[in-house]
Amino acid sequence: MSSNAASWKIDAAEILDVRPVLAEGGEPFVQIMETAERVPAGKALVLIAPFEPVPLYQALSGRGFSHATERIADDEWIVRFVREQ
């Protein structure tokens, strides 16, 4: 794991790994949005997914989040969504 992704996890207000939900055929969108709502201004949600969750970038941007993404492995992406002040 890169040093960025490791530090993102340490500093996160919330960490959500959606890989198990997706592996079972589920849709984690509602869970992601509910988790994001709990993140205070200036803090981050770290999302772990098996692919780059491009549609979330716009969805969470509209709720005041910026993002940074790292591909850790073919089936592991770490995205840091920061709620702006």
N, C-alpha and C. Protein backbone atom coordinates (compact mmCIF):
# COMPACT_ATOMS: atom_id res chain seq x y z
N MET A 1 0.85 -1.18 0.00
CA MET A 1 0.00 0.00 0.00
C MET A 1 0.89 1.24 0.00
N SER A 2 0.50 2.23 -0.76
CA SER A 2 1.29 3.45 -0.83
C SER A 2 1.22 4.20 0.50
N SER A 3 2.18 5.08 0.68
CA SER A 3 2.18 5.87 1.92
C SER A 3 0.98 6.81 1.96
N ASN A 4 0.53 7.31 0.79
CA ASN A 4 -0.66 8.17 0.78
C ASN A 4 -1.87 7.42 1.29
N ALA A 5 -2.14 6.25 0.73
CA ALA A 5 -3.32 5.48 1.12
C ALA A 5 -3.26 5.09 2.59
N ALA A 6 -2.09 4.73 3.08
CA ALA A 6 -1.95 4.37 4.49
C ALA A 6 -2.26 5.55 5.39
N SER A 7 -1.74 6.73 5.06
CA SER A 7 -2.01 7.90 5.89
C SER A 7 -3.46 8.34 5.77
N TRP A 8 -4.07 8.15 4.59
CA TRP A 8 -5.49 8.47 4.43
C TRP A 8 -6.33 7.68 5.42
N LYS A 9 -6.01 6.39 5.57
CA LYS A 9 -6.78 5.54 6.49
C LYS A 9 -6.61 5.99 7.93
N ILE A 10 -5.41 6.37 8.29
CA ILE A 10 -5.13 6.79 9.67
C ILE A 10 -5.91 8.06 10.01
N ASP A 11 -5.98 8.99 9.07
CA ASP A 11 -6.60 10.29 9.31
C ASP A 11 -8.10 10.33 9.03
N ALA A 12 -8.69 9.25 8.56
CA ALA A 12 -10.09 9.26 8.11
C ALA A 12 -11.07 9.36 9.28
N ALA A 13 -12.14 10.12 9.06
CA ALA A 13 -13.25 10.14 10.01
C ALA A 13 -14.07 8.87 9.85
N GLU A 14 -14.16 8.36 8.61
CA GLU A 14 -14.90 7.14 8.30
C GLU A 14 -14.11 6.34 7.27
N ILE A 15 -14.10 5.03 7.43
CA ILE A 15 -13.53 4.12 6.43
C ILE A 15 -14.61 3.13 6.05
N LEU A 16 -14.83 2.98 4.76
CA LEU A 16 -15.87 2.08 4.27
C LEU A 16 -15.30 1.20 3.18
N ASP A 17 -15.29 -0.11 3.41
CA ASP A 17 -14.84 -1.09 2.43
C ASP A 17 -16.08 -1.72 1.81
N VAL A 18 -16.35 -1.39 0.54
CA VAL A 18 -17.55 -1.89 -0.12
C VAL A 18 -17.30 -3.18 -0.90
N ARG A 19 -16.10 -3.70 -0.87
CA ARG A 19 -15.80 -4.94 -1.62
C ARG A 19 -16.68 -6.11 -1.21
N PRO A 20 -16.91 -6.35 0.09
CA PRO A 20 -17.78 -7.49 0.46
C PRO A 20 -19.21 -7.33 -0.06
N VAL A 21 -19.75 -6.13 0.01
CA VAL A 21 -21.11 -5.88 -0.47
C VAL A 21 -21.21 -6.17 -1.96
N LEU A 22 -20.24 -5.66 -2.71
CA LEU A 22 -20.24 -5.89 -4.16
C LEU A 22 -20.01 -7.35 -4.51
N ALA A 23 -19.16 -8.04 -3.75
CA ALA A 23 -18.89 -9.46 -3.99
C ALA A 23 -20.14 -10.31 -3.80
N GLU A 24 -21.05 -9.86 -2.92
CA GLU A 24 -22.30 -10.58 -2.69
C GLU A 24 -23.40 -10.14 -3.65
N GLY A 25 -23.07 -9.26 -4.60
CA GLY A 25 -24.06 -8.81 -5.57
C GLY A 25 -24.87 -7.61 -5.12
N GLY A 26 -24.49 -7.01 -4.01
CA GLY A 26 -25.23 -5.87 -3.47
C GLY A 26 -24.82 -4.56 -4.12
N GLU A 27 -25.56 -3.52 -3.79
CA GLU A 27 -25.31 -2.16 -4.29
C GLU A 27 -25.06 -1.26 -3.08
N PRO A 28 -23.84 -0.76 -2.90
CA PRO A 28 -23.50 0.00 -1.69
C PRO A 28 -23.77 1.51 -1.75
N PHE A 29 -24.43 2.00 -2.79
CA PHE A 29 -24.57 3.44 -2.97
C PHE A 29 -25.22 4.12 -1.76
N VAL A 30 -26.32 3.58 -1.27
CA VAL A 30 -27.02 4.19 -0.13
C VAL A 30 -26.12 4.18 1.10
N GLN A 31 -25.43 3.09 1.34
CA GLN A 31 -24.51 2.99 2.48
C GLN A 31 -23.39 4.03 2.36
N ILE A 32 -22.88 4.23 1.16
CA ILE A 32 -21.83 5.22 0.94
C ILE A 32 -22.35 6.63 1.24
N MET A 33 -23.53 6.94 0.74
CA MET A 33 -24.10 8.28 0.96
C MET A 33 -24.40 8.52 2.44
N GLU A 34 -24.91 7.51 3.13
CA GLU A 34 -25.19 7.64 4.57
C GLU A 34 -23.90 7.83 5.36
N THR A 35 -22.87 7.11 4.99
CA THR A 35 -21.57 7.25 5.66
C THR A 35 -20.99 8.63 5.40
N ALA A 36 -21.08 9.10 4.17
CA ALA A 36 -20.56 10.43 3.82
C ALA A 36 -21.25 11.52 4.62
N GLU A 37 -22.54 11.37 4.89
CA GLU A 37 -23.28 12.38 5.66
C GLU A 37 -22.74 12.54 7.07
N ARG A 38 -22.10 11.52 7.60
CA ARG A 38 -21.55 11.59 8.97
C ARG A 38 -20.19 12.27 9.03
N VAL A 39 -19.58 12.53 7.90
CA VAL A 39 -18.24 13.11 7.87
C VAL A 39 -18.33 14.62 8.11
N PRO A 40 -17.66 15.11 9.15
CA PRO A 40 -17.70 16.55 9.42
C PRO A 40 -16.83 17.34 8.42
N ALA A 41 -17.08 18.63 8.34
CA ALA A 41 -16.30 19.51 7.47
C ALA A 41 -14.81 19.40 7.79
N GLY A 42 -14.01 19.31 6.75
CA GLY A 42 -12.57 19.22 6.91
C GLY A 42 -12.06 17.81 7.15
N LYS A 43 -12.94 16.85 7.29
CA LYS A 43 -12.57 15.46 7.54
C LYS A 43 -12.84 14.61 6.30
N ALA A 44 -12.41 13.34 6.35
CA ALA A 44 -12.46 12.50 5.16
C ALA A 44 -13.17 11.17 5.38
N LEU A 45 -13.77 10.72 4.30
CA LEU A 45 -14.27 9.35 4.15
C LEU A 45 -13.29 8.64 3.25
N VAL A 46 -12.76 7.51 3.68
CA VAL A 46 -11.91 6.69 2.84
C VAL A 46 -12.73 5.50 2.39
N LEU A 47 -12.85 5.36 1.08
CA LEU A 47 -13.62 4.30 0.47
C LEU A 47 -12.67 3.29 -0.16
N ILE A 48 -12.91 2.01 0.09
CA ILE A 48 -12.12 0.94 -0.51
C ILE A 48 -13.05 0.17 -1.43
N ALA A 49 -12.67 0.08 -2.70
CA ALA A 49 -13.53 -0.54 -3.71
C ALA A 49 -12.69 -1.43 -4.64
N PRO A 50 -13.35 -2.37 -5.33
CA PRO A 50 -12.61 -3.25 -6.24
C PRO A 50 -12.38 -2.63 -7.63
N PHE A 51 -12.89 -1.43 -7.85
CA PHE A 51 -12.72 -0.72 -9.12
C PHE A 51 -12.79 0.77 -8.82
N GLU A 52 -12.40 1.59 -9.78
CA GLU A 52 -12.46 3.02 -9.58
C GLU A 52 -13.92 3.47 -9.62
N PRO A 53 -14.42 4.05 -8.53
CA PRO A 53 -15.84 4.42 -8.44
C PRO A 53 -16.14 5.79 -9.05
N VAL A 54 -15.90 5.91 -10.33
CA VAL A 54 -16.02 7.19 -11.03
C VAL A 54 -17.37 7.89 -10.81
N PRO A 55 -18.51 7.19 -10.85
CA PRO A 55 -19.79 7.90 -10.65
C PRO A 55 -19.90 8.60 -9.29
N LEU A 56 -19.17 8.11 -8.30
CA LEU A 56 -19.22 8.74 -6.97
C LEU A 56 -18.55 10.11 -6.95
N TYR A 57 -17.61 10.34 -7.85
CA TYR A 57 -16.91 11.61 -7.84
C TYR A 57 -17.90 12.76 -8.00
N GLN A 58 -18.77 12.66 -8.96
CA GLN A 58 -19.76 13.72 -9.19
C GLN A 58 -20.82 13.73 -8.09
N ALA A 59 -21.27 12.54 -7.67
CA ALA A 59 -22.31 12.46 -6.64
C ALA A 59 -21.86 13.12 -5.35
N LEU A 60 -20.62 12.85 -4.93
CA LEU A 60 -20.14 13.42 -3.68
C LEU A 60 -19.62 14.84 -3.87
N SER A 61 -19.18 15.19 -5.05
CA SER A 61 -18.79 16.57 -5.32
C SER A 61 -19.98 17.49 -5.10
N GLY A 62 -21.15 17.04 -5.52
CA GLY A 62 -22.37 17.82 -5.32
C GLY A 62 -22.75 17.98 -3.87
N ARG A 63 -22.15 17.19 -3.00
CA ARG A 63 -22.41 17.29 -1.56
C ARG A 63 -21.24 17.92 -0.82
N GLY A 64 -20.33 18.54 -1.59
CA GLY A 64 -19.24 19.29 -0.96
C GLY A 64 -17.95 18.54 -0.73
N PHE A 65 -17.74 17.43 -1.43
CA PHE A 65 -16.53 16.63 -1.25
C PHE A 65 -15.58 16.77 -2.43
N SER A 66 -14.29 16.83 -2.14
CA SER A 66 -13.27 16.68 -3.16
C SER A 66 -12.73 15.25 -3.02
N HIS A 67 -11.93 14.80 -3.97
CA HIS A 67 -11.43 13.43 -3.86
C HIS A 67 -10.00 13.29 -4.39
N ALA A 68 -9.35 12.25 -3.93
CA ALA A 68 -8.05 11.81 -4.43
C ALA A 68 -8.13 10.29 -4.49
N THR A 69 -7.54 9.70 -5.51
CA THR A 69 -7.68 8.27 -5.74
C THR A 69 -6.32 7.60 -5.94
N GLU A 70 -6.19 6.40 -5.39
CA GLU A 70 -5.00 5.58 -5.63
C GLU A 70 -5.43 4.16 -5.95
N ARG A 71 -4.83 3.63 -7.00
CA ARG A 71 -5.03 2.22 -7.34
C ARG A 71 -3.93 1.43 -6.63
N ILE A 72 -4.34 0.55 -5.75
CA ILE A 72 -3.41 -0.24 -4.96
C ILE A 72 -3.08 -1.55 -5.67
N ALA A 73 -4.11 -2.17 -6.26
CA ALA A 73 -3.97 -3.43 -6.98
C ALA A 73 -5.07 -3.46 -8.04
N ASP A 74 -5.07 -4.48 -8.87
CA ASP A 74 -6.10 -4.59 -9.90
C ASP A 74 -7.50 -4.54 -9.32
N ASP A 75 -7.67 -5.07 -8.11
CA ASP A 75 -8.99 -5.14 -7.49
C ASP A 75 -9.10 -4.34 -6.19
N GLU A 76 -8.25 -3.33 -6.05
CA GLU A 76 -8.31 -2.50 -4.84
C GLU A 76 -7.98 -1.05 -5.17
N TRP A 77 -8.98 -0.21 -4.99
CA TRP A 77 -8.86 1.23 -5.17
C TRP A 77 -9.17 1.90 -3.84
N ILE A 78 -8.39 2.89 -3.49
CA ILE A 78 -8.61 3.66 -2.27
C ILE A 78 -8.94 5.09 -2.71
N VAL A 79 -10.09 5.59 -2.25
CA VAL A 79 -10.49 6.96 -2.60
C VAL A 79 -10.71 7.74 -1.31
N ARG A 80 -10.09 8.89 -1.25
CA ARG A 80 -10.24 9.77 -0.09
C ARG A 80 -11.17 10.92 -0.50
N PHE A 81 -12.33 10.94 0.11
CA PHE A 81 -13.31 12.02 -0.12
C PHE A 81 -13.24 12.96 1.07
N VAL A 82 -12.88 14.21 0.83
CA VAL A 82 -12.76 15.20 1.91
C VAL A 82 -13.90 16.19 1.80
N ARG A 83 -14.63 16.33 2.91
CA ARG A 83 -15.71 17.33 2.96
C ARG A 83 -15.06 18.70 3.14
N GLU A 84 -15.29 19.57 2.19
CA GLU A 84 -14.70 20.90 2.24
C GLU A 84 -15.32 21.70 3.38
N GLN A 85 -14.60 22.70 3.81
CA GLN A 85 -15.03 23.55 4.94
C GLN A 85 -16.34 24.24 4.67
